[in-house]
Amino acid sequence: MSASRVPAFLWVAQRVTAAFLALFVLAHIVTIVYAVRGGLSASEILARTHANLAWPLFYALFVFAASIHGAIGLRTVAHEWLRWRGWTADLAMALIGLALLVLGMRAVVAIVA
């Protein structure tokens, strides 16, 4: 991808992940409210996530979108506030995105294991 297309690609990726995150957050909150009002404890909720492949898949996609969205957002903040540009800023934000992805996936694995 040429350097002139990178900002446009990142802008689109930021908006697409924001749309997915809006849906994921809404589903997450609705599920929490439903479970808590139903009187389920944390251990009962985790017991149900172990038996279902849909929840880990849902949260894996949630984490994937959040890591991309967060890294692009931090890159923009570093660019605007710190005037940090160039490959070092891009590398730092990619590493932050990777760290968010790894840590988030560890949490996803924990709800399955």
PDB file of N, CA and C in Angstrom:
ATOM      1  N   MET A   1       0.856  -1.171   0.000  1.00  0.00           N
ATOM      2  CA  MET A   1       0.000   0.000   0.000  1.00  0.00           C
ATOM      3  C   MET A   1       0.902   1.234   0.000  1.00  0.00           C
ATOM      4  N   SER A   2       0.584   2.199  -0.836  1.00  0.00           N
ATOM      5  CA  SER A   2       1.400   3.402  -0.911  1.00  0.00           C
ATOM      6  C   SER A   2       1.188   4.258   0.331  1.00  0.00           C
ATOM      7  N   ALA A   3       2.177   5.073   0.636  1.00  0.00           N
ATOM      8  CA  ALA A   3       2.139   5.901   1.849  1.00  0.00           C
ATOM      9  C   ALA A   3       0.974   6.880   1.826  1.00  0.00           C
ATOM     10  N   SER A   4       0.556   7.293   0.653  1.00  0.00           N
ATOM     11  CA  SER A   4      -0.543   8.256   0.573  1.00  0.00           C
ATOM     12  C   SER A   4      -1.893   7.617   0.900  1.00  0.00           C
ATOM     13  N   ARG A   5      -1.985   6.289   0.798  1.00  0.00           N
ATOM     14  CA  ARG A   5      -3.245   5.603   1.082  1.00  0.00           C
ATOM     15  C   ARG A   5      -3.383   5.172   2.538  1.00  0.00           C
ATOM     16  N   VAL A   6      -2.290   5.167   3.279  1.00  0.00           N
ATOM     17  CA  VAL A   6      -2.315   4.687   4.662  1.00  0.00           C
ATOM     18  C   VAL A   6      -3.283   5.493   5.527  1.00  0.00           C
ATOM     19  N   PRO A   7      -3.237   6.833   5.506  1.00  0.00           N
ATOM     20  CA  PRO A   7      -4.187   7.574   6.354  1.00  0.00           C
ATOM     21  C   PRO A   7      -5.651   7.267   6.026  1.00  0.00           C
ATOM     22  N   ALA A   8      -5.963   7.120   4.753  1.00  0.00           N
ATOM     23  CA  ALA A   8      -7.345   6.807   4.371  1.00  0.00           C
ATOM     24  C   ALA A   8      -7.734   5.413   4.849  1.00  0.00           C
ATOM     25  N   PHE A   9      -6.826   4.455   4.713  1.00  0.00           N
ATOM     26  CA  PHE A   9      -7.086   3.099   5.185  1.00  0.00           C
ATOM     27  C   PHE A   9      -7.303   3.084   6.698  1.00  0.00           C
ATOM     28  N   LEU A  10      -6.451   3.790   7.438  1.00  0.00           N
ATOM     29  CA  LEU A  10      -6.594   3.841   8.892  1.00  0.00           C
ATOM     30  C   LEU A  10      -7.893   4.525   9.305  1.00  0.00           C
ATOM     31  N   TRP A  11      -8.273   5.556   8.571  1.00  0.00           N
ATOM     32  CA  TRP A  11      -9.532   6.248   8.877  1.00  0.00           C
ATOM     33  C   TRP A  11     -10.710   5.286   8.712  1.00  0.00           C
ATOM     34  N   VAL A  12     -10.724   4.542   7.609  1.00  0.00           N
ATOM     35  CA  VAL A  12     -11.798   3.580   7.369  1.00  0.00           C
ATOM     36  C   VAL A  12     -11.769   2.470   8.423  1.00  0.00           C
ATOM     37  N   ALA A  13     -10.588   1.957   8.730  1.00  0.00           N
ATOM     38  CA  ALA A  13     -10.481   0.899   9.742  1.00  0.00           C
ATOM     39  C   ALA A  13     -10.972   1.386  11.098  1.00  0.00           C
ATOM     40  N   GLN A  14     -10.673   2.630  11.439  1.00  0.00           N
ATOM     41  CA  GLN A  14     -11.134   3.196  12.713  1.00  0.00           C
ATOM     42  C   GLN A  14     -12.664   3.255  12.746  1.00  0.00           C
ATOM     43  N   ARG A  15     -13.270   3.666  11.668  1.00  0.00           N
ATOM     44  CA  ARG A  15     -14.738   3.782  11.622  1.00  0.00           C
ATOM     45  C   ARG A  15     -15.411   2.416  11.595  1.00  0.00           C
ATOM     46  N   VAL A  16     -14.855   1.477  10.862  1.00  0.00           N
ATOM     47  CA  VAL A  16     -15.439   0.133  10.794  1.00  0.00           C
ATOM     48  C   VAL A  16     -15.365  -0.543  12.156  1.00  0.00           C
ATOM     49  N   THR A  17     -14.198  -0.456  12.810  1.00  0.00           N
ATOM     50  CA  THR A  17     -14.086  -1.073  14.133  1.00  0.00           C
ATOM     51  C   THR A  17     -14.978  -0.366  15.140  1.00  0.00           C
ATOM     52  N   ALA A  18     -15.171   0.931  14.994  1.00  0.00           N
ATOM     53  CA  ALA A  18     -16.086   1.655  15.891  1.00  0.00           C
ATOM     54  C   ALA A  18     -17.511   1.136  15.745  1.00  0.00           C
ATOM     55  N   ALA A  19     -17.929   0.867  14.532  1.00  0.00           N
ATOM     56  CA  ALA A  19     -19.275   0.338  14.305  1.00  0.00           C
ATOM     57  C   ALA A  19     -19.432  -1.040  14.945  1.00  0.00           C
ATOM     58  N   PHE A  20     -18.426  -1.896  14.750  1.00  0.00           N
ATOM     59  CA  PHE A  20     -18.486  -3.213  15.381  1.00  0.00           C
ATOM     60  C   PHE A  20     -18.459  -3.098  16.901  1.00  0.00           C
ATOM     61  N   LEU A  21     -17.615  -2.223  17.429  1.00  0.00           N
ATOM     62  CA  LEU A  21     -17.527  -2.063  18.877  1.00  0.00           C
ATOM     63  C   LEU A  21     -18.839  -1.563  19.464  1.00  0.00           C
ATOM     64  N   ALA A  22     -19.531  -0.711  18.751  1.00  0.00           N
ATOM     65  CA  ALA A  22     -20.833  -0.245  19.240  1.00  0.00           C
ATOM     66  C   ALA A  22     -21.788  -1.425  19.421  1.00  0.00           C
ATOM     67  N   LEU A  23     -21.800  -2.315  18.447  1.00  0.00           N
ATOM     68  CA  LEU A  23     -22.658  -3.506  18.545  1.00  0.00           C
ATOM     69  C   LEU A  23     -22.190  -4.445  19.653  1.00  0.00           C
ATOM     70  N   PHE A  24     -20.880  -4.660  19.729  1.00  0.00           N
ATOM     71  CA  PHE A  24     -20.340  -5.555  20.756  1.00  0.00           C
ATOM     72  C   PHE A  24     -20.612  -5.030  22.159  1.00  0.00           C
ATOM     73  N   VAL A  25     -20.400  -3.737  22.370  1.00  0.00           N
ATOM     74  CA  VAL A  25     -20.635  -3.151  23.698  1.00  0.00           C
ATOM     75  C   VAL A  25     -22.110  -3.245  24.063  1.00  0.00           C
ATOM     76  N   LEU A  26     -22.981  -2.956  23.128  1.00  0.00           N
ATOM     77  CA  LEU A  26     -24.414  -3.054  23.392  1.00  0.00           C
ATOM     78  C   LEU A  26     -24.801  -4.488  23.761  1.00  0.00           C
ATOM     79  N   ALA A  27     -24.333  -5.457  23.001  1.00  0.00           N
ATOM     80  CA  ALA A  27     -24.638  -6.860  23.301  1.00  0.00           C
ATOM     81  C   ALA A  27     -24.051  -7.272  24.650  1.00  0.00           C
ATOM     82  N   HIS A  28     -22.859  -6.807  24.951  1.00  0.00           N
ATOM     83  CA  HIS A  28     -22.214  -7.121  26.222  1.00  0.00           C
ATOM     84  C   HIS A  28     -23.012  -6.564  27.403  1.00  0.00           C
ATOM     85  N   ILE A  29     -23.423  -5.314  27.305  1.00  0.00           N
ATOM     86  CA  ILE A  29     -24.185  -4.688  28.389  1.00  0.00           C
ATOM     87  C   ILE A  29     -25.554  -5.338  28.549  1.00  0.00           C
ATOM     88  N   VAL A  30     -26.231  -5.597  27.449  1.00  0.00           N
ATOM     89  CA  VAL A  30     -27.541  -6.247  27.523  1.00  0.00           C
ATOM     90  C   VAL A  30     -27.410  -7.623  28.170  1.00  0.00           C
ATOM     91  N   THR A  31     -26.373  -8.358  27.799  1.00  0.00           N
ATOM     92  CA  THR A  31     -26.158  -9.684  28.374  1.00  0.00           C
ATOM     93  C   THR A  31     -25.880  -9.602  29.872  1.00  0.00           C
ATOM     94  N   ILE A  32     -25.072  -8.633  30.278  1.00  0.00           N
ATOM     95  CA  ILE A  32     -24.773  -8.471  31.701  1.00  0.00           C
ATOM     96  C   ILE A  32     -26.034  -8.137  32.484  1.00  0.00           C
ATOM     97  N   VAL A  33     -26.808  -7.203  31.984  1.00  0.00           N
ATOM     98  CA  VAL A  33     -28.045  -6.812  32.676  1.00  0.00           C
ATOM     99  C   VAL A  33     -28.998  -8.000  32.765  1.00  0.00           C
ATOM    100  N   TYR A  34     -29.138  -8.728  31.676  1.00  0.00           N
ATOM    101  CA  TYR A  34     -30.006  -9.903  31.661  1.00  0.00           C
ATOM    102  C   TYR A  34     -29.542 -10.944  32.679  1.00  0.00           C
ATOM    103  N   ALA A  35     -28.243 -11.204  32.707  1.00  0.00           N
ATOM    104  CA  ALA A  35     -27.706 -12.222  33.621  1.00  0.00           C
ATOM    105  C   ALA A  35     -27.847 -11.794  35.075  1.00  0.00           C
ATOM    106  N   VAL A  36     -27.562 -10.553  35.368  1.00  0.00           N
ATOM    107  CA  VAL A  36     -27.629 -10.074  36.749  1.00  0.00           C
ATOM    108  C   VAL A  36     -29.078 -10.023  37.229  1.00  0.00           C
ATOM    109  N   ARG A  37     -29.956  -9.566  36.383  1.00  0.00           N
ATOM    110  CA  ARG A  37     -31.375  -9.529  36.773  1.00  0.00           C
ATOM    111  C   ARG A  37     -31.951 -10.926  36.918  1.00  0.00           C
ATOM    112  N   GLY A  38     -31.361 -11.873  36.210  1.00  0.00           N
ATOM    113  CA  GLY A  38     -31.792 -13.262  36.325  1.00  0.00           C
ATOM    114  C   GLY A  38     -31.229 -13.950  37.553  1.00  0.00           C
ATOM    115  N   GLY A  39     -30.402 -13.235  38.291  1.00  0.00           N
ATOM    116  CA  GLY A  39     -29.860 -13.771  39.524  1.00  0.00           C
ATOM    117  C   GLY A  39     -28.652 -14.676  39.358  1.00  0.00           C
ATOM    118  N   LEU A  40     -28.008 -14.632  38.196  1.00  0.00           N
ATOM    119  CA  LEU A  40     -26.844 -15.487  37.981  1.00  0.00           C
ATOM    120  C   LEU A  40     -25.617 -14.907  38.674  1.00  0.00           C
ATOM    121  N   SER A  41     -24.837 -15.783  39.268  1.00  0.00           N
ATOM    122  CA  SER A  41     -23.576 -15.365  39.874  1.00  0.00           C
ATOM    123  C   SER A  41     -22.481 -15.417  38.811  1.00  0.00           C
ATOM    124  N   ALA A  42     -21.314 -14.873  39.147  1.00  0.00           N
ATOM    125  CA  ALA A  42     -20.189 -14.899  38.205  1.00  0.00           C
ATOM    126  C   ALA A  42     -19.796 -16.331  37.862  1.00  0.00           C
ATOM    127  N   SER A  43     -19.790 -17.197  38.845  1.00  0.00           N
ATOM    128  CA  SER A  43     -19.412 -18.597  38.568  1.00  0.00           C
ATOM    129  C   SER A  43     -20.443 -19.277  37.673  1.00  0.00           C
ATOM    130  N   GLU A  44     -21.712 -18.959  37.841  1.00  0.00           N
ATOM    131  CA  GLU A  44     -22.748 -19.535  36.966  1.00  0.00           C
ATOM    132  C   GLU A  44     -22.608 -19.019  35.537  1.00  0.00           C
ATOM    133  N   ILE A  45     -22.272 -17.750  35.409  1.00  0.00           N
ATOM    134  CA  ILE A  45     -22.072 -17.177  34.070  1.00  0.00           C
ATOM    135  C   ILE A  45     -20.888 -17.840  33.389  1.00  0.00           C
ATOM    136  N   LEU A  46     -19.771 -17.984  34.116  1.00  0.00           N
ATOM    137  CA  LEU A  46     -18.592 -18.639  33.536  1.00  0.00           C
ATOM    138  C   LEU A  46     -18.868 -20.094  33.188  1.00  0.00           C
ATOM    139  N   ALA A  47     -19.664 -20.767  33.997  1.00  0.00           N
ATOM    140  CA  ALA A  47     -20.015 -22.157  33.693  1.00  0.00           C
ATOM    141  C   ALA A  47     -20.767 -22.238  32.369  1.00  0.00           C
ATOM    142  N   ARG A  48     -21.597 -21.259  32.101  1.00  0.00           N
ATOM    143  CA  ARG A  48     -22.340 -21.256  30.831  1.00  0.00           C
ATOM    144  C   ARG A  48     -21.443 -20.918  29.644  1.00  0.00           C
ATOM    145  N   THR A  49     -20.438 -20.070  29.850  1.00  0.00           N
ATOM    146  CA  THR A  49     -19.544 -19.738  28.735  1.00  0.00           C
ATOM    147  C   THR A  49     -18.664 -20.916  28.357  1.00  0.00           C
ATOM    148  N   HIS A  50     -18.351 -21.796  29.306  1.00  0.00           N
ATOM    149  CA  HIS A  50     -17.530 -22.967  29.016  1.00  0.00           C
ATOM    150  C   HIS A  50     -18.236 -23.929  28.064  1.00  0.00           C
ATOM    151  N   ALA A  51     -19.533 -23.963  28.124  1.00  0.00           N
ATOM    152  CA  ALA A  51     -20.295 -24.939  27.349  1.00  0.00           C
ATOM    153  C   ALA A  51     -20.717 -24.420  25.977  1.00  0.00           C
ATOM    154  N   ASN A  52     -20.304 -23.212  25.621  1.00  0.00           N
ATOM    155  CA  ASN A  52     -20.816 -22.599  24.414  1.00  0.00           C
ATOM    156  C   ASN A  52     -19.667 -21.972  23.623  1.00  0.00           C
ATOM    157  N   LEU A  53     -19.526 -22.317  22.362  1.00  0.00           N
ATOM    158  CA  LEU A  53     -18.467 -21.765  21.521  1.00  0.00           C
ATOM    159  C   LEU A  53     -18.781 -20.344  21.047  1.00  0.00           C
ATOM    160  N   ALA A  54     -20.040 -19.948  21.069  1.00  0.00           N
ATOM    161  CA  ALA A  54     -20.420 -18.622  20.572  1.00  0.00           C
ATOM    162  C   ALA A  54     -19.826 -17.495  21.421  1.00  0.00           C
ATOM    163  N   TRP A  55     -19.769 -17.675  22.736  1.00  0.00           N
ATOM    164  CA  TRP A  55     -19.254 -16.600  23.605  1.00  0.00           C
ATOM    165  C   TRP A  55     -17.769 -16.334  23.372  1.00  0.00           C
ATOM    166  N   PRO A  56     -16.933 -17.361  23.352  1.00  0.00           N
ATOM    167  CA  PRO A  56     -15.519 -17.069  23.060  1.00  0.00           C
ATOM    168  C   PRO A  56     -15.322 -16.431  21.684  1.00  0.00           C
ATOM    169  N   LEU A  57     -16.089 -16.863  20.704  1.00  0.00           N
ATOM    170  CA  LEU A  57     -15.991 -16.268  19.378  1.00  0.00           C
ATOM    171  C   LEU A  57     -16.416 -14.799  19.419  1.00  0.00           C
ATOM    172  N   PHE A  58     -17.525 -14.511  20.099  1.00  0.00           N
ATOM    173  CA  PHE A  58     -18.002 -13.139  20.253  1.00  0.00           C
ATOM    174  C   PHE A  58     -16.924 -12.268  20.891  1.00  0.00           C
ATOM    175  N   TYR A  59     -16.370 -12.744  22.015  1.00  0.00           N
ATOM    176  CA  TYR A  59     -15.381 -11.935  22.728  1.00  0.00           C
ATOM    177  C   TYR A  59     -14.049 -11.867  21.989  1.00  0.00           C
ATOM    178  N   ALA A  60     -13.705 -12.882  21.209  1.00  0.00           N
ATOM    179  CA  ALA A  60     -12.492 -12.809  20.398  1.00  0.00           C
ATOM    180  C   ALA A  60     -12.628 -11.719  19.338  1.00  0.00           C
ATOM    181  N   LEU A  61     -13.780 -11.641  18.698  1.00  0.00           N
ATOM    182  CA  LEU A  61     -14.018 -10.572  17.717  1.00  0.00           C
ATOM    183  C   LEU A  61     -14.055  -9.203  18.392  1.00  0.00           C
ATOM    184  N   PHE A  62     -14.619  -9.146  19.592  1.00  0.00           N
ATOM    185  CA  PHE A  62     -14.660  -7.918  20.382  1.00  0.00           C
ATOM    186  C   PHE A  62     -13.225  -7.444  20.654  1.00  0.00           C
ATOM    187  N   VAL A  63     -12.383  -8.337  21.123  1.00  0.00           N
ATOM    188  CA  VAL A  63     -10.994  -7.999  21.438  1.00  0.00           C
ATOM    189  C   VAL A  63     -10.244  -7.582  20.179  1.00  0.00           C
ATOM    190  N   PHE A  64     -10.447  -8.309  19.094  1.00  0.00           N
ATOM    191  CA  PHE A  64      -9.774  -7.981  17.835  1.00  0.00           C
ATOM    192  C   PHE A  64     -10.136  -6.561  17.390  1.00  0.00           C
ATOM    193  N   ALA A  65     -11.415  -6.230  17.404  1.00  0.00           N
ATOM    194  CA  ALA A  65     -11.853  -4.893  16.998  1.00  0.00           C
ATOM    195  C   ALA A  65     -11.318  -3.828  17.953  1.00  0.00           C
ATOM    196  N   ALA A  66     -11.345  -4.112  19.247  1.00  0.00           N
ATOM    197  CA  ALA A  66     -10.882  -3.137  20.234  1.00  0.00           C
ATOM    198  C   ALA A  66      -9.378  -2.884  20.109  1.00  0.00           C
ATOM    199  N   SER A  67      -8.608  -3.914  19.844  1.00  0.00           N
ATOM    200  CA  SER A  67      -7.157  -3.725  19.723  1.00  0.00           C
ATOM    201  C   SER A  67      -6.808  -2.888  18.496  1.00  0.00           C
ATOM    202  N   ILE A  68      -7.485  -3.129  17.399  1.00  0.00           N
ATOM    203  CA  ILE A  68      -7.250  -2.325  16.196  1.00  0.00           C
ATOM    204  C   ILE A  68      -7.697  -0.884  16.429  1.00  0.00           C
ATOM    205  N   HIS A  69      -8.893  -0.724  16.950  1.00  0.00           N
ATOM    206  CA  HIS A  69      -9.454   0.606  17.184  1.00  0.00           C
ATOM    207  C   HIS A  69      -8.579   1.403  18.154  1.00  0.00           C
ATOM    208  N   GLY A  70      -8.166   0.755  19.233  1.00  0.00           N
ATOM    209  CA  GLY A  70      -7.353   1.436  20.235  1.00  0.00           C
ATOM    210  C   GLY A  70      -5.992   1.857  19.709  1.00  0.00           C
ATOM    211  N   ALA A  71      -5.344   0.980  18.970  1.00  0.00           N
ATOM    212  CA  ALA A  71      -4.024   1.302  18.433  1.00  0.00           C
ATOM    213  C   ALA A  71      -4.090   2.453  17.432  1.00  0.00           C
ATOM    214  N   ILE A  72      -5.088   2.445  16.580  1.00  0.00           N
ATOM    215  CA  ILE A  72      -5.230   3.540  15.606  1.00  0.00           C
ATOM    216  C   ILE A  72      -5.546   4.843  16.337  1.00  0.00           C
ATOM    217  N   GLY A  73      -6.403   4.772  17.336  1.00  0.00           N
ATOM    218  CA  GLY A  73      -6.734   5.976  18.111  1.00  0.00           C
ATOM    219  C   GLY A  73      -5.526   6.537  18.834  1.00  0.00           C
ATOM    220  N   LEU A  74      -4.709   5.667  19.445  1.00  0.00           N
ATOM    221  CA  LEU A  74      -3.499   6.133  20.120  1.00  0.00           C
ATOM    222  C   LEU A  74      -2.495   6.716  19.135  1.00  0.00           C
ATOM    223  N   ARG A  75      -2.419   6.141  17.950  1.00  0.00           N
ATOM    224  CA  ARG A  75      -1.542   6.683  16.920  1.00  0.00           C
ATOM    225  C   ARG A  75      -1.961   8.101  16.559  1.00  0.00           C
ATOM    226  N   THR A  76      -3.262   8.309  16.442  1.00  0.00           N
ATOM    227  CA  THR A  76      -3.772   9.638  16.122  1.00  0.00           C
ATOM    228  C   THR A  76      -3.482  10.627  17.248  1.00  0.00           C
ATOM    229  N   VAL A  77      -3.697  10.206  18.482  1.00  0.00           N
ATOM    230  CA  VAL A  77      -3.415  11.075  19.628  1.00  0.00           C
ATOM    231  C   VAL A  77      -1.926  11.412  19.682  1.00  0.00           C
ATOM    232  N   ALA A  78      -1.056  10.420  19.494  1.00  0.00           N
ATOM    233  CA  ALA A  78       0.383  10.666  19.506  1.00  0.00           C
ATOM    234  C   ALA A  78       0.782  11.632  18.393  1.00  0.00           C
ATOM    235  N   HIS A  79       0.142  11.505  17.266  1.00  0.00           N
ATOM    236  CA  HIS A  79       0.421  12.384  16.124  1.00  0.00           C
ATOM    237  C   HIS A  79      -0.009  13.819  16.431  1.00  0.00           C
ATOM    238  N   GLU A  80      -1.228  13.992  16.957  1.00  0.00           N
ATOM    239  CA  GLU A  80      -1.773  15.329  17.176  1.00  0.00           C
ATOM    240  C   GLU A  80      -1.216  16.020  18.421  1.00  0.00           C
ATOM    241  N   TRP A  81      -1.078  15.300  19.502  1.00  0.00           N
ATOM    242  CA  TRP A  81      -0.663  15.931  20.765  1.00  0.00           C
ATOM    243  C   TRP A  81       0.847  15.949  20.957  1.00  0.00           C
ATOM    244  N   LEU A  82       1.494  14.877  20.575  1.00  0.00           N
ATOM    245  CA  LEU A  82       2.934  14.762  20.816  1.00  0.00           C
ATOM    246  C   LEU A  82       3.761  15.090  19.579  1.00  0.00           C
ATOM    247  N   ARG A  83       3.097  15.259  18.456  1.00  0.00           N
ATOM    248  CA  ARG A  83       3.771  15.478  17.169  1.00  0.00           C
ATOM    249  C   ARG A  83       4.734  14.339  16.846  1.00  0.00           C
ATOM    250  N   TRP A  84       4.342  13.142  17.285  1.00  0.00           N
ATOM    251  CA  TRP A  84       5.156  11.942  17.061  1.00  0.00           C
ATOM    252  C   TRP A  84       4.708  11.316  15.764  1.00  0.00           C
ATOM    253  N   ARG A  85       5.593  11.321  14.796  1.00  0.00           N
ATOM    254  CA  ARG A  85       5.270  10.821  13.466  1.00  0.00           C
ATOM    255  C   ARG A  85       6.347   9.851  13.010  1.00  0.00           C
ATOM    256  N   GLY A  86       6.082   9.233  11.901  1.00  0.00           N
ATOM    257  CA  GLY A  86       7.088   8.379  11.280  1.00  0.00           C
ATOM    258  C   GLY A  86       6.971   6.929  11.710  1.00  0.00           C
ATOM    259  N   TRP A  87       7.966   6.173  11.278  1.00  0.00           N
ATOM    260  CA  TRP A  87       7.928   4.732  11.495  1.00  0.00           C
ATOM    261  C   TRP A  87       8.011   4.364  12.965  1.00  0.00           C
ATOM    262  N   THR A  88       8.677   5.185  13.786  1.00  0.00           N
ATOM    263  CA  THR A  88       8.770   4.842  15.215  1.00  0.00           C
ATOM    264  C   THR A  88       7.404   4.928  15.884  1.00  0.00           C
ATOM    265  N   ALA A  89       6.633   5.933  15.519  1.00  0.00           N
ATOM    266  CA  ALA A  89       5.275   6.062  16.066  1.00  0.00           C
ATOM    267  C   ALA A  89       4.403   4.913  15.577  1.00  0.00           C
ATOM    268  N   ASP A  90       4.518   4.576  14.316  1.00  0.00           N
ATOM    269  CA  ASP A  90       3.735   3.474  13.761  1.00  0.00           C
ATOM    270  C   ASP A  90       4.101   2.149  14.429  1.00  0.00           C
ATOM    271  N   LEU A  91       5.396   1.928  14.633  1.00  0.00           N
ATOM    272  CA  LEU A  91       5.838   0.699  15.287  1.00  0.00           C
ATOM    273  C   LEU A  91       5.339   0.629  16.730  1.00  0.00           C
ATOM    274  N   ALA A  92       5.452   1.746  17.444  1.00  0.00           N
ATOM    275  CA  ALA A  92       4.989   1.773  18.837  1.00  0.00           C
ATOM    276  C   ALA A  92       3.497   1.479  18.920  1.00  0.00           C
ATOM    277  N   MET A  93       2.722   2.060  18.046  1.00  0.00           N
ATOM    278  CA  MET A  93       1.275   1.834  18.080  1.00  0.00           C
ATOM    279  C   MET A  93       0.932   0.407  17.642  1.00  0.00           C
ATOM    280  N   ALA A  94       1.686  -0.140  16.708  1.00  0.00           N
ATOM    281  CA  ALA A  94       1.461  -1.535  16.313  1.00  0.00           C
ATOM    282  C   ALA A  94       1.771  -2.476  17.484  1.00  0.00           C
ATOM    283  N   LEU A  95       2.825  -2.181  18.230  1.00  0.00           N
ATOM    284  CA  LEU A  95       3.158  -2.997  19.395  1.00  0.00           C
ATOM    285  C   LEU A  95       2.102  -2.870  20.488  1.00  0.00           C
ATOM    286  N   ILE A  96       1.567  -1.672  20.670  1.00  0.00           N
ATOM    287  CA  ILE A  96       0.484  -1.487  21.643  1.00  0.00           C
ATOM    288  C   ILE A  96      -0.750  -2.267  21.199  1.00  0.00           C
ATOM    289  N   GLY A  97      -1.076  -2.195  19.926  1.00  0.00           N
ATOM    290  CA  GLY A  97      -2.209  -2.964  19.405  1.00  0.00           C
ATOM    291  C   GLY A  97      -2.006  -4.458  19.590  1.00  0.00           C
ATOM    292  N   LEU A  98      -0.787  -4.928  19.356  1.00  0.00           N
ATOM    293  CA  LEU A  98      -0.479  -6.346  19.548  1.00  0.00           C
ATOM    294  C   LEU A  98      -0.604  -6.731  21.020  1.00  0.00           C
ATOM    295  N   ALA A  99      -0.113  -5.873  21.910  1.00  0.00           N
ATOM    296  CA  ALA A  99      -0.225  -6.141  23.347  1.00  0.00           C
ATOM    297  C   ALA A  99      -1.692  -6.201  23.770  1.00  0.00           C
ATOM    298  N   LEU A 100      -2.501  -5.278  23.270  1.00  0.00           N
ATOM    299  CA  LEU A 100      -3.934  -5.304  23.583  1.00  0.00           C
ATOM    300  C   LEU A 100      -4.574  -6.592  23.080  1.00  0.00           C
ATOM    301  N   LEU A 101      -4.187  -7.014  21.891  1.00  0.00           N
ATOM    302  CA  LEU A 101      -4.731  -8.248  21.315  1.00  0.00           C
ATOM    303  C   LEU A 101      -4.339  -9.466  22.156  1.00  0.00           C
ATOM    304  N   VAL A 102      -3.077  -9.556  22.514  1.00  0.00           N
ATOM    305  CA  VAL A 102      -2.597 -10.712  23.289  1.00  0.00           C
ATOM    306  C   VAL A 102      -3.264 -10.744  24.662  1.00  0.00           C
ATOM    307  N   LEU A 103      -3.287  -9.621  25.353  1.00  0.00           N
ATOM    308  CA  LEU A 103      -3.894  -9.583  26.688  1.00  0.00           C
ATOM    309  C   LEU A 103      -5.392  -9.869  26.626  1.00  0.00           C
ATOM    310  N   GLY A 104      -6.053  -9.322  25.617  1.00  0.00           N
ATOM    311  CA  GLY A 104      -7.480  -9.581  25.466  1.00  0.00           C
ATOM    312  C   GLY A 104      -7.774 -11.035  25.147  1.00  0.00           C
ATOM    313  N   MET A 105      -6.961 -11.634  24.301  1.00  0.00           N
ATOM    314  CA  MET A 105      -7.171 -13.046  23.970  1.00  0.00           C
ATOM    315  C   MET A 105      -6.896 -13.951  25.160  1.00  0.00           C
ATOM    316  N   ARG A 106      -5.975 -13.533  26.032  1.00  0.00           N
ATOM    317  CA  ARG A 106      -5.761 -14.299  27.266  1.00  0.00           C
ATOM    318  C   ARG A 106      -7.042 -14.321  28.098  1.00  0.00           C
ATOM    319  N   ALA A 107      -7.741 -13.207  28.136  1.00  0.00           N
ATOM    320  CA  ALA A 107      -9.006 -13.153  28.869  1.00  0.00           C
ATOM    321  C   ALA A 107     -10.058 -14.025  28.203  1.00  0.00           C
ATOM    322  N   VAL A 108     -10.081 -14.028  26.878  1.00  0.00           N
ATOM    323  CA  VAL A 108     -11.036 -14.880  26.151  1.00  0.00           C
ATOM    324  C   VAL A 108     -10.761 -16.347  26.445  1.00  0.00           C
ATOM    325  N   VAL A 109      -9.495 -16.723  26.411  1.00  0.00           N
ATOM    326  CA  VAL A 109      -9.127 -18.109  26.708  1.00  0.00           C
ATOM    327  C   VAL A 109      -9.542 -18.473  28.146  1.00  0.00           C
ATOM    328  N   ALA A 110      -9.436 -17.520  29.048  1.00  0.00           N
ATOM    329  CA  ALA A 110      -9.792 -17.780  30.452  1.00  0.00           C
ATOM    330  C   ALA A 110     -11.284 -18.092  30.614  1.00  0.00           C
ATOM    331  N   ILE A 111     -12.134 -17.526  29.764  1.00  0.00           N
ATOM    332  CA  ILE A 111     -13.568 -17.827  29.922  1.00  0.00           C
ATOM    333  C   ILE A 111     -13.915 -19.187  29.319  1.00  0.00           C
ATOM    334  N   VAL A 112     -13.020 -19.739  28.519  1.00  0.00           N
ATOM    335  CA  VAL A 112     -13.257 -21.044  27.920  1.00  0.00           C
ATOM    336  C   VAL A 112     -12.646 -22.153  28.766  1.00  0.00           C
ATOM    337  N   ALA A 113     -11.493 -21.894  29.310  1.00  0.00           N
ATOM    338  CA  ALA A 113     -10.744 -22.923  30.059  1.00  0.00           C
ATOM    339  C   ALA A 113     -11.373 -23.255  31.395  1.00  0.00           C
TER     340      ALA A 113
END
